[in-house]
N, C-alpha and C. Protein backbone atom coordinates (compact mmCIF):
# COMPACT_ATOMS: atom_id res chain seq x y z
N UNK A 1 23.04 -7.56 8.04
CA UNK A 1 23.16 -6.78 6.82
C UNK A 1 21.87 -5.96 6.60
N UNK A 2 22.04 -4.68 6.42
CA UNK A 2 20.90 -3.79 6.22
C UNK A 2 20.34 -3.95 4.81
N UNK A 3 19.03 -4.04 4.72
CA UNK A 3 18.38 -4.18 3.41
C UNK A 3 18.36 -2.84 2.69
N UNK A 4 18.71 -2.89 1.42
CA UNK A 4 18.71 -1.67 0.60
C UNK A 4 17.33 -1.39 0.01
N UNK A 5 16.55 -2.45 -0.18
CA UNK A 5 15.24 -2.31 -0.83
C UNK A 5 14.20 -3.10 -0.05
N UNK A 6 12.98 -2.60 -0.07
CA UNK A 6 11.88 -3.31 0.56
C UNK A 6 10.84 -3.64 -0.51
N UNK A 7 10.17 -4.74 -0.30
CA UNK A 7 9.08 -5.18 -1.17
C UNK A 7 7.81 -5.05 -0.35
N UNK A 8 6.84 -4.32 -0.88
CA UNK A 8 5.59 -4.16 -0.15
C UNK A 8 4.42 -4.11 -1.12
N UNK A 9 3.27 -4.50 -0.62
CA UNK A 9 2.05 -4.50 -1.42
C UNK A 9 1.75 -3.07 -1.88
N UNK A 10 1.39 -2.93 -3.16
CA UNK A 10 1.03 -1.61 -3.69
C UNK A 10 -0.25 -1.11 -3.05
N UNK A 11 -0.30 0.21 -2.86
CA UNK A 11 -1.46 0.89 -2.29
C UNK A 11 -1.99 1.88 -3.33
N UNK A 12 -3.24 2.32 -3.20
CA UNK A 12 -3.78 3.28 -4.18
C UNK A 12 -2.89 4.51 -4.37
N UNK A 13 -2.27 4.97 -3.30
CA UNK A 13 -1.42 6.16 -3.42
C UNK A 13 -0.12 5.89 -4.19
N UNK A 14 0.16 4.64 -4.53
CA UNK A 14 1.34 4.30 -5.34
C UNK A 14 1.09 4.45 -6.84
N UNK A 15 -0.14 4.72 -7.23
CA UNK A 15 -0.48 4.78 -8.66
C UNK A 15 0.41 5.76 -9.41
N UNK A 16 0.69 6.92 -8.84
CA UNK A 16 1.54 7.90 -9.51
C UNK A 16 2.95 7.38 -9.73
N UNK A 17 3.49 6.68 -8.74
CA UNK A 17 4.83 6.09 -8.90
C UNK A 17 4.82 5.00 -9.97
N UNK A 18 3.76 4.21 -10.01
CA UNK A 18 3.67 3.16 -11.03
C UNK A 18 3.61 3.79 -12.42
N UNK A 19 2.83 4.86 -12.57
CA UNK A 19 2.78 5.58 -13.85
C UNK A 19 4.19 6.07 -14.21
N UNK A 20 4.90 6.67 -13.26
CA UNK A 20 6.25 7.17 -13.50
C UNK A 20 7.18 6.04 -13.95
N UNK A 21 7.09 4.89 -13.28
CA UNK A 21 7.96 3.76 -13.63
C UNK A 21 7.65 3.24 -15.03
N UNK A 22 6.36 3.07 -15.35
CA UNK A 22 6.01 2.68 -16.72
C UNK A 22 6.58 3.68 -17.72
N UNK A 23 6.32 4.97 -17.48
CA UNK A 23 6.68 6.00 -18.46
C UNK A 23 8.18 6.23 -18.56
N UNK A 24 8.96 5.74 -17.59
CA UNK A 24 10.42 5.81 -17.71
C UNK A 24 10.92 4.79 -18.73
N UNK A 25 10.04 3.91 -19.19
CA UNK A 25 10.38 2.84 -20.12
C UNK A 25 9.54 2.93 -21.40
N UNK A 26 9.69 4.02 -22.19
CA UNK A 26 8.83 4.18 -23.37
C UNK A 26 9.02 3.08 -24.42
N UNK A 27 10.22 2.54 -24.56
CA UNK A 27 10.43 1.45 -25.53
C UNK A 27 9.68 0.20 -25.09
N UNK A 28 9.69 -0.09 -23.79
CA UNK A 28 8.92 -1.22 -23.27
C UNK A 28 7.44 -1.02 -23.60
N UNK A 29 6.93 0.17 -23.32
CA UNK A 29 5.51 0.44 -23.58
C UNK A 29 5.19 0.29 -25.05
N UNK A 30 6.04 0.80 -25.92
CA UNK A 30 5.83 0.70 -27.36
C UNK A 30 5.77 -0.75 -27.80
N UNK A 31 6.71 -1.56 -27.31
CA UNK A 31 6.78 -2.97 -27.72
C UNK A 31 5.64 -3.81 -27.15
N UNK A 32 5.19 -3.49 -25.95
CA UNK A 32 4.20 -4.32 -25.28
C UNK A 32 2.77 -3.81 -25.38
N UNK A 33 2.62 -2.49 -25.44
CA UNK A 33 1.28 -1.90 -25.45
C UNK A 33 0.97 -1.10 -26.71
N UNK A 34 2.00 -0.78 -27.48
CA UNK A 34 1.78 0.02 -28.68
C UNK A 34 1.62 1.50 -28.40
N UNK A 35 2.07 1.96 -27.23
CA UNK A 35 2.01 3.40 -26.89
C UNK A 35 3.32 3.75 -26.19
N UNK A 36 3.56 5.04 -26.00
CA UNK A 36 4.82 5.47 -25.37
C UNK A 36 4.63 6.03 -23.97
N UNK A 37 3.37 6.10 -23.51
CA UNK A 37 3.11 6.61 -22.16
C UNK A 37 1.75 6.11 -21.70
N UNK A 38 1.60 5.99 -20.38
CA UNK A 38 0.33 5.61 -19.77
C UNK A 38 -0.03 6.67 -18.72
N UNK A 39 -1.26 6.57 -18.21
CA UNK A 39 -1.69 7.51 -17.17
C UNK A 39 -2.29 6.75 -15.99
N UNK A 40 -2.74 7.48 -15.01
CA UNK A 40 -3.30 6.87 -13.81
C UNK A 40 -4.52 6.02 -14.09
N UNK A 41 -5.33 6.41 -15.06
CA UNK A 41 -6.51 5.61 -15.42
C UNK A 41 -6.08 4.23 -15.89
N UNK A 42 -5.03 4.17 -16.71
CA UNK A 42 -4.51 2.89 -17.18
C UNK A 42 -4.09 2.02 -16.01
N UNK A 43 -3.33 2.60 -15.07
CA UNK A 43 -2.83 1.82 -13.93
C UNK A 43 -3.98 1.29 -13.09
N UNK A 44 -4.97 2.12 -12.80
CA UNK A 44 -6.11 1.67 -11.98
C UNK A 44 -6.90 0.58 -12.69
N UNK A 45 -7.08 0.70 -14.02
CA UNK A 45 -7.76 -0.35 -14.78
C UNK A 45 -6.96 -1.65 -14.75
N UNK A 46 -5.64 -1.54 -14.90
CA UNK A 46 -4.77 -2.72 -14.83
C UNK A 46 -4.91 -3.41 -13.48
N UNK A 47 -4.88 -2.63 -12.40
CA UNK A 47 -5.00 -3.21 -11.06
C UNK A 47 -6.32 -3.94 -10.90
N UNK A 48 -7.40 -3.33 -11.39
CA UNK A 48 -8.72 -3.99 -11.28
C UNK A 48 -8.73 -5.30 -12.04
N UNK A 49 -8.24 -5.27 -13.28
CA UNK A 49 -8.22 -6.48 -14.10
C UNK A 49 -7.31 -7.55 -13.50
N UNK A 50 -6.13 -7.14 -13.06
CA UNK A 50 -5.19 -8.10 -12.48
C UNK A 50 -5.77 -8.72 -11.21
N UNK A 51 -6.44 -7.93 -10.39
CA UNK A 51 -7.03 -8.45 -9.17
C UNK A 51 -8.08 -9.52 -9.50
N UNK A 52 -8.89 -9.28 -10.54
CA UNK A 52 -9.89 -10.27 -10.97
C UNK A 52 -9.23 -11.60 -11.34
N UNK A 53 -8.01 -11.53 -11.86
CA UNK A 53 -7.30 -12.72 -12.32
C UNK A 53 -6.35 -13.28 -11.26
N UNK A 54 -6.42 -12.73 -10.04
CA UNK A 54 -5.63 -13.26 -8.94
C UNK A 54 -4.23 -12.71 -8.81
N UNK A 55 -3.91 -11.64 -9.52
CA UNK A 55 -2.58 -11.03 -9.46
C UNK A 55 -2.58 -9.89 -8.46
N UNK A 56 -1.40 -9.57 -7.96
CA UNK A 56 -1.23 -8.41 -7.10
C UNK A 56 0.05 -7.69 -7.52
N UNK A 57 0.13 -6.43 -7.14
CA UNK A 57 1.30 -5.61 -7.46
C UNK A 57 2.10 -5.37 -6.19
N UNK A 58 3.40 -5.58 -6.30
CA UNK A 58 4.34 -5.33 -5.22
C UNK A 58 5.26 -4.19 -5.64
N UNK A 59 5.35 -3.18 -4.82
CA UNK A 59 6.25 -2.06 -5.06
C UNK A 59 7.61 -2.41 -4.46
N UNK A 60 8.67 -2.09 -5.20
CA UNK A 60 10.03 -2.23 -4.70
C UNK A 60 10.52 -0.82 -4.42
N UNK A 61 10.84 -0.55 -3.15
CA UNK A 61 11.22 0.81 -2.75
C UNK A 61 12.59 0.84 -2.10
N UNK A 62 13.27 1.95 -2.27
CA UNK A 62 14.53 2.19 -1.59
C UNK A 62 14.26 2.22 -0.09
N UNK A 63 14.97 1.41 0.68
CA UNK A 63 14.71 1.27 2.11
C UNK A 63 14.96 2.57 2.88
N UNK A 64 15.87 3.40 2.40
CA UNK A 64 16.17 4.64 3.12
C UNK A 64 15.23 5.78 2.75
N UNK A 65 14.97 5.94 1.46
CA UNK A 65 14.17 7.09 1.01
C UNK A 65 12.70 6.76 0.84
N UNK A 66 12.39 5.48 0.65
CA UNK A 66 11.01 5.08 0.38
C UNK A 66 10.61 5.26 -1.07
N UNK A 67 11.52 5.77 -1.91
CA UNK A 67 11.21 6.01 -3.32
C UNK A 67 11.03 4.68 -4.06
N UNK A 68 9.98 4.59 -4.85
CA UNK A 68 9.74 3.39 -5.67
C UNK A 68 10.77 3.31 -6.78
N UNK A 69 11.43 2.16 -6.90
CA UNK A 69 12.42 1.95 -7.96
C UNK A 69 11.92 0.93 -8.98
N UNK A 70 10.85 0.23 -8.64
CA UNK A 70 10.30 -0.76 -9.55
C UNK A 70 9.06 -1.37 -8.96
N UNK A 71 8.48 -2.31 -9.71
CA UNK A 71 7.33 -3.05 -9.20
C UNK A 71 7.25 -4.41 -9.89
N UNK A 72 6.51 -5.28 -9.24
CA UNK A 72 6.30 -6.65 -9.71
C UNK A 72 4.81 -6.93 -9.69
N UNK A 73 4.31 -7.51 -10.78
CA UNK A 73 2.95 -8.05 -10.81
C UNK A 73 3.10 -9.56 -10.83
N UNK A 74 2.48 -10.25 -9.88
CA UNK A 74 2.56 -11.70 -9.88
C UNK A 74 1.31 -12.32 -9.25
N UNK A 75 1.11 -13.58 -9.57
CA UNK A 75 0.01 -14.35 -8.99
C UNK A 75 0.61 -15.42 -8.10
N UNK A 76 0.10 -15.49 -6.88
CA UNK A 76 0.56 -16.48 -5.92
C UNK A 76 -0.08 -17.82 -6.28
N UNK A 77 0.64 -18.58 -7.07
CA UNK A 77 0.15 -19.88 -7.54
C UNK A 77 1.35 -20.82 -7.57
N UNK A 78 1.14 -22.00 -8.04
CA UNK A 78 2.25 -22.95 -8.17
C UNK A 78 2.27 -23.43 -9.61
N UNK A 79 3.24 -23.02 -10.41
CA UNK A 79 4.32 -22.13 -10.02
C UNK A 79 3.82 -20.69 -9.88
N UNK A 80 4.60 -19.87 -9.18
CA UNK A 80 4.32 -18.44 -9.08
C UNK A 80 4.34 -17.89 -10.51
N UNK A 81 3.35 -17.10 -10.86
CA UNK A 81 3.29 -16.51 -12.20
C UNK A 81 3.76 -15.06 -12.11
N UNK A 82 4.98 -14.82 -12.55
CA UNK A 82 5.57 -13.48 -12.57
C UNK A 82 5.17 -12.83 -13.88
N UNK A 83 4.20 -11.94 -13.81
CA UNK A 83 3.64 -11.33 -15.01
C UNK A 83 4.48 -10.14 -15.48
N UNK A 84 4.96 -9.34 -14.54
CA UNK A 84 5.72 -8.15 -14.92
C UNK A 84 6.71 -7.80 -13.81
N UNK A 85 7.93 -7.51 -14.22
CA UNK A 85 8.99 -7.07 -13.32
C UNK A 85 9.61 -5.86 -14.01
N UNK A 86 9.32 -4.66 -13.50
CA UNK A 86 9.73 -3.45 -14.19
C UNK A 86 10.49 -2.52 -13.25
N UNK A 87 11.65 -2.08 -13.72
CA UNK A 87 12.49 -1.14 -12.96
C UNK A 87 12.50 0.21 -13.66
N UNK A 88 12.74 1.25 -12.87
CA UNK A 88 12.96 2.57 -13.43
C UNK A 88 14.07 2.44 -14.47
N UNK A 89 13.86 2.97 -15.65
CA UNK A 89 14.83 2.82 -16.75
C UNK A 89 16.20 3.37 -16.37
N UNK A 90 16.25 4.42 -15.55
CA UNK A 90 17.53 5.01 -15.15
C UNK A 90 18.37 4.06 -14.31
N UNK A 91 17.76 3.04 -13.74
CA UNK A 91 18.48 2.10 -12.87
C UNK A 91 18.82 0.78 -13.56
N UNK A 92 18.41 0.64 -14.80
CA UNK A 92 18.64 -0.61 -15.52
C UNK A 92 20.08 -0.70 -16.04
N UNK A 93 20.53 -1.94 -16.24
CA UNK A 93 21.86 -2.17 -16.79
C UNK A 93 22.99 -2.03 -15.78
N UNK A 94 22.65 -2.01 -14.49
CA UNK A 94 23.66 -1.83 -13.44
C UNK A 94 23.67 -2.97 -12.43
N UNK A 95 22.95 -4.05 -12.75
CA UNK A 95 22.91 -5.19 -11.84
C UNK A 95 21.79 -5.16 -10.82
N UNK A 96 21.04 -4.07 -10.77
CA UNK A 96 19.97 -3.98 -9.79
C UNK A 96 18.85 -4.97 -10.08
N UNK A 97 18.51 -5.15 -11.35
CA UNK A 97 17.46 -6.10 -11.71
C UNK A 97 17.81 -7.50 -11.24
N UNK A 98 19.06 -7.90 -11.41
CA UNK A 98 19.52 -9.21 -10.94
C UNK A 98 19.39 -9.31 -9.43
N UNK A 99 19.85 -8.28 -8.74
CA UNK A 99 19.79 -8.28 -7.27
C UNK A 99 18.34 -8.38 -6.77
N UNK A 100 17.46 -7.59 -7.35
CA UNK A 100 16.07 -7.59 -6.90
C UNK A 100 15.35 -8.87 -7.29
N UNK A 101 15.66 -9.40 -8.47
CA UNK A 101 15.04 -10.68 -8.84
C UNK A 101 15.47 -11.77 -7.86
N UNK A 102 16.77 -11.81 -7.50
CA UNK A 102 17.25 -12.81 -6.54
C UNK A 102 16.47 -12.72 -5.23
N UNK A 103 16.25 -11.49 -4.77
CA UNK A 103 15.50 -11.30 -3.53
C UNK A 103 14.06 -11.80 -3.68
N UNK A 104 13.44 -11.49 -4.82
CA UNK A 104 12.09 -11.98 -5.09
C UNK A 104 12.07 -13.52 -5.07
N UNK A 105 13.05 -14.13 -5.73
CA UNK A 105 13.13 -15.58 -5.78
C UNK A 105 13.28 -16.18 -4.38
N UNK A 106 14.12 -15.58 -3.57
CA UNK A 106 14.31 -16.07 -2.20
C UNK A 106 13.02 -15.94 -1.38
N UNK A 107 12.29 -14.87 -1.60
CA UNK A 107 11.00 -14.70 -0.92
C UNK A 107 10.07 -15.86 -1.29
N UNK A 108 10.09 -16.25 -2.56
CA UNK A 108 9.22 -17.34 -3.01
C UNK A 108 9.66 -18.68 -2.40
N UNK A 109 10.95 -18.90 -2.31
CA UNK A 109 11.46 -20.12 -1.68
C UNK A 109 11.02 -20.19 -0.22
N UNK A 110 11.17 -19.07 0.50
CA UNK A 110 10.77 -19.04 1.92
C UNK A 110 9.28 -19.32 2.08
N UNK A 111 8.52 -18.97 1.08
CA UNK A 111 7.07 -19.22 1.12
C UNK A 111 6.73 -20.65 0.67
N UNK A 112 7.75 -21.43 0.34
CA UNK A 112 7.53 -22.83 -0.04
C UNK A 112 7.18 -23.05 -1.49
N UNK A 113 7.34 -22.03 -2.32
CA UNK A 113 7.03 -22.18 -3.74
C UNK A 113 8.10 -23.02 -4.41
N UNK A 114 7.66 -23.81 -5.40
CA UNK A 114 8.57 -24.74 -6.06
C UNK A 114 9.07 -24.26 -7.42
N UNK A 115 8.43 -23.22 -7.97
CA UNK A 115 8.85 -22.74 -9.28
C UNK A 115 8.25 -21.38 -9.62
N UNK A 116 8.78 -20.80 -10.70
CA UNK A 116 8.32 -19.52 -11.20
C UNK A 116 8.12 -19.64 -12.70
N UNK A 117 7.03 -19.05 -13.17
CA UNK A 117 6.73 -18.98 -14.60
C UNK A 117 6.71 -17.51 -15.01
N UNK A 118 7.28 -17.24 -16.18
CA UNK A 118 7.18 -15.91 -16.78
C UNK A 118 6.85 -16.08 -18.26
N UNK A 119 6.20 -15.08 -18.83
CA UNK A 119 5.95 -15.03 -20.27
C UNK A 119 6.73 -13.84 -20.79
N UNK A 120 7.71 -14.10 -21.66
CA UNK A 120 8.62 -13.06 -22.12
C UNK A 120 8.33 -12.74 -23.58
N UNK A 121 7.92 -11.50 -23.85
CA UNK A 121 7.71 -11.06 -25.22
C UNK A 121 9.06 -11.13 -25.93
N UNK A 122 9.08 -11.85 -27.06
CA UNK A 122 10.37 -12.07 -27.74
C UNK A 122 10.32 -11.70 -29.22
N UNK A 123 9.36 -10.87 -29.61
CA UNK A 123 9.22 -10.54 -31.03
C UNK A 123 9.97 -9.27 -31.43
N UNK A 124 11.03 -8.94 -30.71
CA UNK A 124 11.87 -7.80 -31.05
C UNK A 124 13.31 -8.10 -30.65
N UNK A 125 14.25 -7.45 -31.37
CA UNK A 125 15.66 -7.61 -31.02
C UNK A 125 15.93 -6.97 -29.68
N UNK A 126 16.82 -7.57 -28.91
CA UNK A 126 17.14 -7.04 -27.60
C UNK A 126 16.12 -7.42 -26.54
N UNK A 127 15.31 -8.45 -26.83
CA UNK A 127 14.31 -8.89 -25.84
C UNK A 127 15.02 -9.49 -24.62
N UNK A 128 14.24 -9.80 -23.60
CA UNK A 128 14.81 -10.22 -22.32
C UNK A 128 14.95 -11.73 -22.13
N UNK A 129 14.75 -12.51 -23.17
CA UNK A 129 14.94 -13.96 -23.03
C UNK A 129 16.34 -14.27 -22.51
N UNK A 130 17.42 -13.67 -23.05
CA UNK A 130 18.76 -13.97 -22.51
C UNK A 130 18.91 -13.60 -21.03
N UNK A 131 18.33 -12.48 -20.60
CA UNK A 131 18.38 -12.09 -19.19
C UNK A 131 17.80 -13.19 -18.32
N UNK A 132 16.63 -13.69 -18.69
CA UNK A 132 15.96 -14.72 -17.89
C UNK A 132 16.69 -16.07 -17.96
N UNK A 133 17.27 -16.38 -19.10
CA UNK A 133 18.06 -17.62 -19.19
C UNK A 133 19.24 -17.57 -18.22
N UNK A 134 19.88 -16.40 -18.11
CA UNK A 134 21.00 -16.27 -17.17
C UNK A 134 20.54 -16.43 -15.72
N UNK A 135 19.28 -16.24 -15.46
CA UNK A 135 18.72 -16.44 -14.12
C UNK A 135 18.23 -17.87 -13.92
N UNK A 136 18.50 -18.75 -14.87
CA UNK A 136 18.16 -20.15 -14.72
C UNK A 136 16.83 -20.58 -15.32
N UNK A 137 16.18 -19.71 -16.05
CA UNK A 137 14.90 -20.06 -16.67
C UNK A 137 15.13 -20.87 -17.93
N UNK A 138 14.22 -21.79 -18.18
CA UNK A 138 14.24 -22.60 -19.39
C UNK A 138 13.05 -22.23 -20.26
N UNK A 139 13.29 -22.24 -21.57
CA UNK A 139 12.23 -21.88 -22.51
C UNK A 139 11.20 -22.99 -22.64
N UNK A 140 9.96 -22.57 -22.71
CA UNK A 140 8.85 -23.48 -22.95
C UNK A 140 8.16 -23.10 -24.25
N UNK A 141 6.85 -23.25 -24.27
CA UNK A 141 6.10 -23.06 -25.49
C UNK A 141 6.01 -21.58 -25.90
N UNK A 142 5.74 -21.39 -27.19
CA UNK A 142 5.52 -20.06 -27.74
C UNK A 142 4.03 -19.76 -27.65
N UNK A 143 3.70 -18.54 -27.25
CA UNK A 143 2.31 -18.13 -27.11
C UNK A 143 2.13 -16.73 -27.70
N UNK A 144 0.88 -16.30 -27.78
CA UNK A 144 0.57 -14.92 -28.15
C UNK A 144 -0.04 -14.26 -26.93
N UNK A 145 0.53 -13.13 -26.54
CA UNK A 145 0.01 -12.35 -25.42
C UNK A 145 -0.74 -11.14 -25.97
N UNK A 146 -1.87 -10.82 -25.37
CA UNK A 146 -2.58 -9.59 -25.71
C UNK A 146 -2.62 -8.71 -24.49
N UNK A 147 -2.22 -7.46 -24.69
CA UNK A 147 -2.21 -6.50 -23.59
C UNK A 147 -2.54 -5.14 -24.18
N UNK A 148 -3.57 -4.53 -23.68
CA UNK A 148 -3.96 -3.22 -24.17
C UNK A 148 -4.32 -3.21 -25.64
N UNK A 149 -4.82 -4.34 -26.14
CA UNK A 149 -5.21 -4.43 -27.54
C UNK A 149 -4.08 -4.77 -28.49
N UNK A 150 -2.87 -4.96 -27.99
CA UNK A 150 -1.72 -5.30 -28.84
C UNK A 150 -1.36 -6.76 -28.62
N UNK A 151 -1.23 -7.49 -29.72
CA UNK A 151 -0.82 -8.90 -29.66
C UNK A 151 0.69 -8.99 -29.88
N UNK A 152 1.35 -9.80 -29.06
CA UNK A 152 2.80 -9.98 -29.16
C UNK A 152 3.13 -11.46 -29.05
N UNK A 153 4.16 -11.87 -29.79
CA UNK A 153 4.67 -13.23 -29.65
C UNK A 153 5.50 -13.29 -28.37
N UNK A 154 5.33 -14.37 -27.62
CA UNK A 154 6.04 -14.50 -26.35
C UNK A 154 6.48 -15.94 -26.15
N UNK A 155 7.42 -16.08 -25.24
CA UNK A 155 7.94 -17.40 -24.86
C UNK A 155 7.64 -17.61 -23.39
N UNK A 156 6.99 -18.74 -23.08
CA UNK A 156 6.78 -19.12 -21.69
C UNK A 156 8.10 -19.68 -21.17
N UNK A 157 8.52 -19.23 -19.99
CA UNK A 157 9.77 -19.69 -19.41
C UNK A 157 9.52 -20.11 -17.97
N UNK A 158 10.26 -21.14 -17.52
CA UNK A 158 10.08 -21.70 -16.18
C UNK A 158 11.41 -21.80 -15.45
N UNK A 159 11.31 -21.70 -14.14
CA UNK A 159 12.48 -21.92 -13.29
C UNK A 159 12.05 -22.70 -12.07
N UNK A 160 12.73 -23.82 -11.83
CA UNK A 160 12.50 -24.59 -10.60
C UNK A 160 13.23 -23.91 -9.46
N UNK A 161 12.60 -23.92 -8.29
CA UNK A 161 13.21 -23.33 -7.12
C UNK A 161 13.70 -24.37 -6.12
N UNK A 162 13.52 -25.61 -6.43
CA UNK A 162 13.91 -26.68 -5.52
C UNK A 162 15.40 -26.95 -5.61
């Protein structure tokens, strides 16, 4: 079976695509960062900060065209800490997020990981807690996340991979 999407480590030249992907989701940015758009400076600062904290960015690209359709920020730990999973807004609501998450999960299983943790901002209607519950995640403690100077209420969620 031919793969439709590839997962690869982000490179400096991907910064423009990451900016495009963020900016295709202005409601996400408003809810999580308090702004409606970001720029390359923001992305490079995020990468530097995330690297200090042990996170890396993975680009999800169309296998035929090479076009970035999304990205994942995660830390290789136990459990794997999935910090951000973002798709181009034009591709959302069509099952692609589910398909790509399943592939990410299988990659973690093959690497011997036993679980995944995510922190889901839940202080707005239409949040993604139900999406993650349908993927088998269970709710944990409530926390406050700060990102870009904005504080948000969030729910820690876990999924066993065993």
